[in-house]
Amino acid sequence: MFTAAQTLTLAQAYGAATGMSLYRVGIAACNNNKIFRRMEDGFGCHTGSLERAGAFFVEHWPEDTPWPASVPGGPSNADGAGQNTAPAAA
């Protein structure tokens, strides 16, 4: 599970990549339109919301968008796109 700060980073990056507001990202990620704005304001959230949002980002991360370097993990695609790993040595 991602921390609240990591989840907020993912929400902001996902919103920037998709053109969605944090309001819309919250609805898509965990059916909560206020979660990410509240987190930006320093408020907490339920762990269930963090779990749902984290799972959403891993499953729906845009293929052409790099996973934020400050957040470990990421989606694992067959071709490795979106993974937060170093390139293989040649």
N, C-alpha and C. Protein backbone atom coordinates (compact mmCIF):
# COMPACT_ATOMS: atom_id res chain seq x y z
N MET A 1 0.85 -1.19 0.00
CA MET A 1 0.00 0.00 0.00
C MET A 1 0.89 1.24 0.00
N PHE A 2 0.47 2.23 -0.72
CA PHE A 2 1.20 3.49 -0.79
C PHE A 2 0.83 4.36 0.41
N THR A 3 1.74 5.24 0.79
CA THR A 3 1.44 6.20 1.85
C THR A 3 0.49 7.26 1.30
N ALA A 4 -0.03 8.07 2.19
CA ALA A 4 -0.92 9.16 1.76
C ALA A 4 -0.17 10.12 0.84
N ALA A 5 1.06 10.46 1.17
CA ALA A 5 1.84 11.38 0.35
C ALA A 5 2.12 10.78 -1.03
N GLN A 6 2.44 9.50 -1.08
CA GLN A 6 2.69 8.84 -2.36
C GLN A 6 1.42 8.78 -3.20
N THR A 7 0.29 8.50 -2.55
CA THR A 7 -0.98 8.43 -3.26
C THR A 7 -1.35 9.80 -3.83
N LEU A 8 -1.10 10.85 -3.08
CA LEU A 8 -1.37 12.19 -3.58
C LEU A 8 -0.46 12.51 -4.77
N THR A 9 0.80 12.12 -4.70
CA THR A 9 1.72 12.30 -5.83
C THR A 9 1.19 11.59 -7.07
N LEU A 10 0.72 10.36 -6.89
CA LEU A 10 0.16 9.61 -8.01
C LEU A 10 -1.08 10.30 -8.58
N ALA A 11 -1.94 10.79 -7.69
CA ALA A 11 -3.16 11.47 -8.14
C ALA A 11 -2.81 12.72 -8.95
N GLN A 12 -1.85 13.49 -8.48
CA GLN A 12 -1.47 14.70 -9.19
C GLN A 12 -0.85 14.38 -10.55
N ALA A 13 0.03 13.36 -10.59
CA ALA A 13 0.66 12.98 -11.85
C ALA A 13 -0.36 12.39 -12.82
N TYR A 14 -1.28 11.56 -12.30
CA TYR A 14 -2.32 10.97 -13.14
C TYR A 14 -3.22 12.07 -13.71
N GLY A 15 -3.60 13.02 -12.87
CA GLY A 15 -4.43 14.12 -13.33
C GLY A 15 -3.74 14.95 -14.40
N ALA A 16 -2.46 15.22 -14.21
CA ALA A 16 -1.71 15.99 -15.20
C ALA A 16 -1.61 15.23 -16.52
N ALA A 17 -1.42 13.91 -16.44
CA ALA A 17 -1.27 13.10 -17.65
C ALA A 17 -2.57 12.94 -18.41
N THR A 18 -3.67 12.89 -17.69
CA THR A 18 -4.96 12.62 -18.33
C THR A 18 -5.80 13.89 -18.55
N GLY A 19 -5.38 15.00 -17.97
CA GLY A 19 -6.15 16.23 -18.08
C GLY A 19 -7.34 16.27 -17.13
N MET A 20 -7.35 15.36 -16.16
CA MET A 20 -8.45 15.31 -15.20
C MET A 20 -8.11 16.15 -13.96
N SER A 21 -9.13 16.79 -13.40
CA SER A 21 -8.95 17.50 -12.14
C SER A 21 -8.82 16.50 -11.01
N LEU A 22 -8.31 16.94 -9.87
CA LEU A 22 -8.23 16.05 -8.71
C LEU A 22 -9.62 15.59 -8.27
N TYR A 23 -10.61 16.41 -8.49
CA TYR A 23 -12.00 16.05 -8.21
C TYR A 23 -12.38 14.79 -9.00
N ARG A 24 -12.10 14.82 -10.31
CA ARG A 24 -12.43 13.69 -11.20
C ARG A 24 -11.55 12.48 -10.92
N VAL A 25 -10.28 12.71 -10.62
CA VAL A 25 -9.38 11.60 -10.29
C VAL A 25 -9.89 10.89 -9.03
N GLY A 26 -10.33 11.66 -8.05
CA GLY A 26 -10.85 11.07 -6.82
C GLY A 26 -12.08 10.20 -7.06
N ILE A 27 -12.95 10.66 -7.93
CA ILE A 27 -14.14 9.87 -8.27
C ILE A 27 -13.72 8.57 -8.96
N ALA A 28 -12.82 8.67 -9.91
CA ALA A 28 -12.39 7.49 -10.66
C ALA A 28 -11.63 6.51 -9.77
N ALA A 29 -10.76 7.03 -8.92
CA ALA A 29 -9.87 6.17 -8.13
C ALA A 29 -10.53 5.51 -6.94
N CYS A 30 -11.42 6.24 -6.27
CA CYS A 30 -11.99 5.66 -5.05
C CYS A 30 -13.38 6.19 -4.72
N ASN A 31 -14.05 6.72 -5.72
CA ASN A 31 -15.42 7.22 -5.55
C ASN A 31 -15.53 8.26 -4.45
N ASN A 32 -14.53 9.14 -4.40
CA ASN A 32 -14.50 10.20 -3.38
C ASN A 32 -13.96 11.46 -4.05
N ASN A 33 -14.85 12.39 -4.33
CA ASN A 33 -14.45 13.59 -5.07
C ASN A 33 -13.62 14.58 -4.27
N LYS A 34 -13.57 14.45 -2.96
CA LYS A 34 -12.85 15.43 -2.13
C LYS A 34 -11.52 14.92 -1.59
N ILE A 35 -11.24 13.64 -1.75
CA ILE A 35 -10.10 13.05 -1.07
C ILE A 35 -8.77 13.74 -1.37
N PHE A 36 -8.47 13.98 -2.62
CA PHE A 36 -7.15 14.52 -2.97
C PHE A 36 -7.03 16.00 -2.66
N ARG A 37 -8.09 16.75 -2.77
CA ARG A 37 -8.06 18.17 -2.37
C ARG A 37 -7.87 18.28 -0.86
N ARG A 38 -8.53 17.41 -0.11
CA ARG A 38 -8.37 17.40 1.35
C ARG A 38 -6.94 17.00 1.72
N MET A 39 -6.39 16.04 1.01
CA MET A 39 -5.02 15.62 1.28
C MET A 39 -4.05 16.76 0.98
N GLU A 40 -4.29 17.51 -0.09
CA GLU A 40 -3.46 18.68 -0.38
C GLU A 40 -3.51 19.70 0.75
N ASP A 41 -4.65 19.77 1.42
CA ASP A 41 -4.82 20.72 2.53
C ASP A 41 -4.31 20.17 3.86
N GLY A 42 -3.72 18.97 3.84
CA GLY A 42 -3.11 18.42 5.04
C GLY A 42 -3.99 17.50 5.86
N PHE A 43 -5.16 17.17 5.35
CA PHE A 43 -6.05 16.27 6.07
C PHE A 43 -5.76 14.82 5.68
N GLY A 44 -6.13 13.90 6.54
CA GLY A 44 -5.92 12.48 6.29
C GLY A 44 -7.09 11.85 5.56
N CYS A 45 -7.02 10.53 5.46
CA CYS A 45 -8.09 9.78 4.82
C CYS A 45 -8.09 8.37 5.37
N HIS A 46 -9.11 7.62 5.05
CA HIS A 46 -9.22 6.24 5.49
C HIS A 46 -8.24 5.35 4.72
N THR A 47 -7.72 4.33 5.37
CA THR A 47 -6.80 3.42 4.70
C THR A 47 -7.48 2.68 3.54
N GLY A 48 -8.76 2.42 3.67
CA GLY A 48 -9.49 1.77 2.57
C GLY A 48 -9.47 2.62 1.31
N SER A 49 -9.58 3.93 1.49
CA SER A 49 -9.51 4.84 0.33
C SER A 49 -8.13 4.82 -0.30
N LEU A 50 -7.09 4.78 0.53
CA LEU A 50 -5.72 4.71 0.01
C LEU A 50 -5.50 3.41 -0.76
N GLU A 51 -6.01 2.32 -0.23
CA GLU A 51 -5.87 1.02 -0.90
C GLU A 51 -6.57 1.01 -2.26
N ARG A 52 -7.80 1.52 -2.30
CA ARG A 52 -8.55 1.56 -3.56
C ARG A 52 -7.86 2.46 -4.57
N ALA A 53 -7.42 3.63 -4.12
CA ALA A 53 -6.76 4.57 -5.02
C ALA A 53 -5.45 3.99 -5.54
N GLY A 54 -4.67 3.39 -4.66
CA GLY A 54 -3.41 2.80 -5.09
C GLY A 54 -3.61 1.71 -6.12
N ALA A 55 -4.58 0.85 -5.89
CA ALA A 55 -4.88 -0.22 -6.84
C ALA A 55 -5.34 0.36 -8.18
N PHE A 56 -6.14 1.42 -8.12
CA PHE A 56 -6.61 2.07 -9.35
C PHE A 56 -5.43 2.60 -10.15
N PHE A 57 -4.49 3.30 -9.50
CA PHE A 57 -3.37 3.88 -10.23
C PHE A 57 -2.49 2.81 -10.86
N VAL A 58 -2.23 1.74 -10.14
CA VAL A 58 -1.42 0.66 -10.70
C VAL A 58 -2.11 0.04 -11.91
N GLU A 59 -3.41 -0.15 -11.82
CA GLU A 59 -4.15 -0.79 -12.91
C GLU A 59 -4.40 0.12 -14.10
N HIS A 60 -4.58 1.41 -13.87
CA HIS A 60 -4.99 2.33 -14.93
C HIS A 60 -3.93 3.36 -15.32
N TRP A 61 -2.68 3.15 -14.92
CA TRP A 61 -1.65 4.15 -15.20
C TRP A 61 -1.47 4.29 -16.71
N PRO A 62 -1.44 5.53 -17.23
CA PRO A 62 -1.28 5.74 -18.67
C PRO A 62 0.07 5.18 -19.15
N GLU A 63 0.05 4.39 -20.21
CA GLU A 63 1.25 3.74 -20.71
C GLU A 63 2.34 4.72 -21.13
N ASP A 64 1.94 5.89 -21.62
CA ASP A 64 2.92 6.86 -22.11
C ASP A 64 3.40 7.83 -21.03
N THR A 65 3.03 7.57 -19.78
CA THR A 65 3.40 8.44 -18.68
C THR A 65 4.32 7.71 -17.72
N PRO A 66 5.51 8.27 -17.44
CA PRO A 66 6.39 7.59 -16.49
C PRO A 66 5.81 7.60 -15.08
N TRP A 67 6.01 6.52 -14.39
CA TRP A 67 5.60 6.40 -12.98
C TRP A 67 6.48 7.36 -12.17
N PRO A 68 5.94 8.12 -11.23
CA PRO A 68 6.75 9.07 -10.45
C PRO A 68 7.92 8.36 -9.75
N ALA A 69 9.11 8.90 -9.92
CA ALA A 69 10.32 8.31 -9.35
C ALA A 69 10.28 8.26 -7.82
N SER A 70 9.53 9.16 -7.20
CA SER A 70 9.48 9.21 -5.73
C SER A 70 8.55 8.17 -5.13
N VAL A 71 7.86 7.41 -5.99
CA VAL A 71 6.91 6.39 -5.52
C VAL A 71 7.40 5.02 -5.96
N PRO A 72 7.75 4.14 -5.01
CA PRO A 72 8.22 2.82 -5.39
C PRO A 72 7.10 1.98 -6.00
N GLY A 73 7.49 1.04 -6.84
CA GLY A 73 6.50 0.15 -7.45
C GLY A 73 6.00 0.69 -8.75
N GLY A 74 4.78 0.36 -9.07
CA GLY A 74 4.17 0.82 -10.31
C GLY A 74 3.60 -0.34 -11.07
N PRO A 75 2.95 -0.03 -12.17
CA PRO A 75 2.34 -1.10 -12.96
C PRO A 75 3.40 -1.97 -13.59
N SER A 76 3.12 -3.23 -13.70
CA SER A 76 4.06 -4.14 -14.36
C SER A 76 3.40 -4.65 -15.63
N ASN A 77 3.86 -4.12 -16.73
CA ASN A 77 3.36 -4.53 -18.04
C ASN A 77 4.32 -5.54 -18.64
N ALA A 78 3.85 -6.31 -19.57
CA ALA A 78 4.68 -7.34 -20.20
C ALA A 78 5.92 -6.74 -20.85
N ASP A 79 5.80 -5.53 -21.41
CA ASP A 79 6.95 -4.91 -22.07
C ASP A 79 7.76 -4.03 -21.12
N GLY A 80 7.36 -3.95 -19.84
CA GLY A 80 8.09 -3.17 -18.86
C GLY A 80 7.72 -1.71 -18.84
N ALA A 81 6.83 -1.26 -19.71
CA ALA A 81 6.44 0.15 -19.74
C ALA A 81 5.78 0.53 -18.44
N GLY A 82 6.16 1.67 -17.91
CA GLY A 82 5.55 2.17 -16.69
C GLY A 82 6.22 1.68 -15.43
N GLN A 83 7.13 0.72 -15.53
CA GLN A 83 7.78 0.24 -14.33
C GLN A 83 8.82 1.24 -13.88
N ASN A 84 9.02 1.29 -12.59
CA ASN A 84 9.99 2.19 -12.01
C ASN A 84 11.27 1.41 -11.73
N THR A 85 11.94 0.99 -12.80
CA THR A 85 13.16 0.22 -12.67
C THR A 85 14.23 0.79 -13.57
N ALA A 86 15.48 0.49 -13.25
CA ALA A 86 16.59 0.96 -14.06
C ALA A 86 16.67 0.14 -15.34
N PRO A 87 17.16 0.75 -16.42
CA PRO A 87 17.28 -0.01 -17.66
C PRO A 87 18.30 -1.13 -17.53
N ALA A 88 18.10 -2.21 -18.26
CA ALA A 88 19.00 -3.34 -18.20
C ALA A 88 20.33 -2.98 -18.88
N ALA A 89 21.40 -3.54 -18.37
CA ALA A 89 22.70 -3.31 -18.97
C ALA A 89 22.80 -4.04 -20.30
N ALA A 90 23.46 -3.42 -21.25
CA ALA A 90 23.58 -4.02 -22.59
C ALA A 90 24.73 -4.99 -22.65
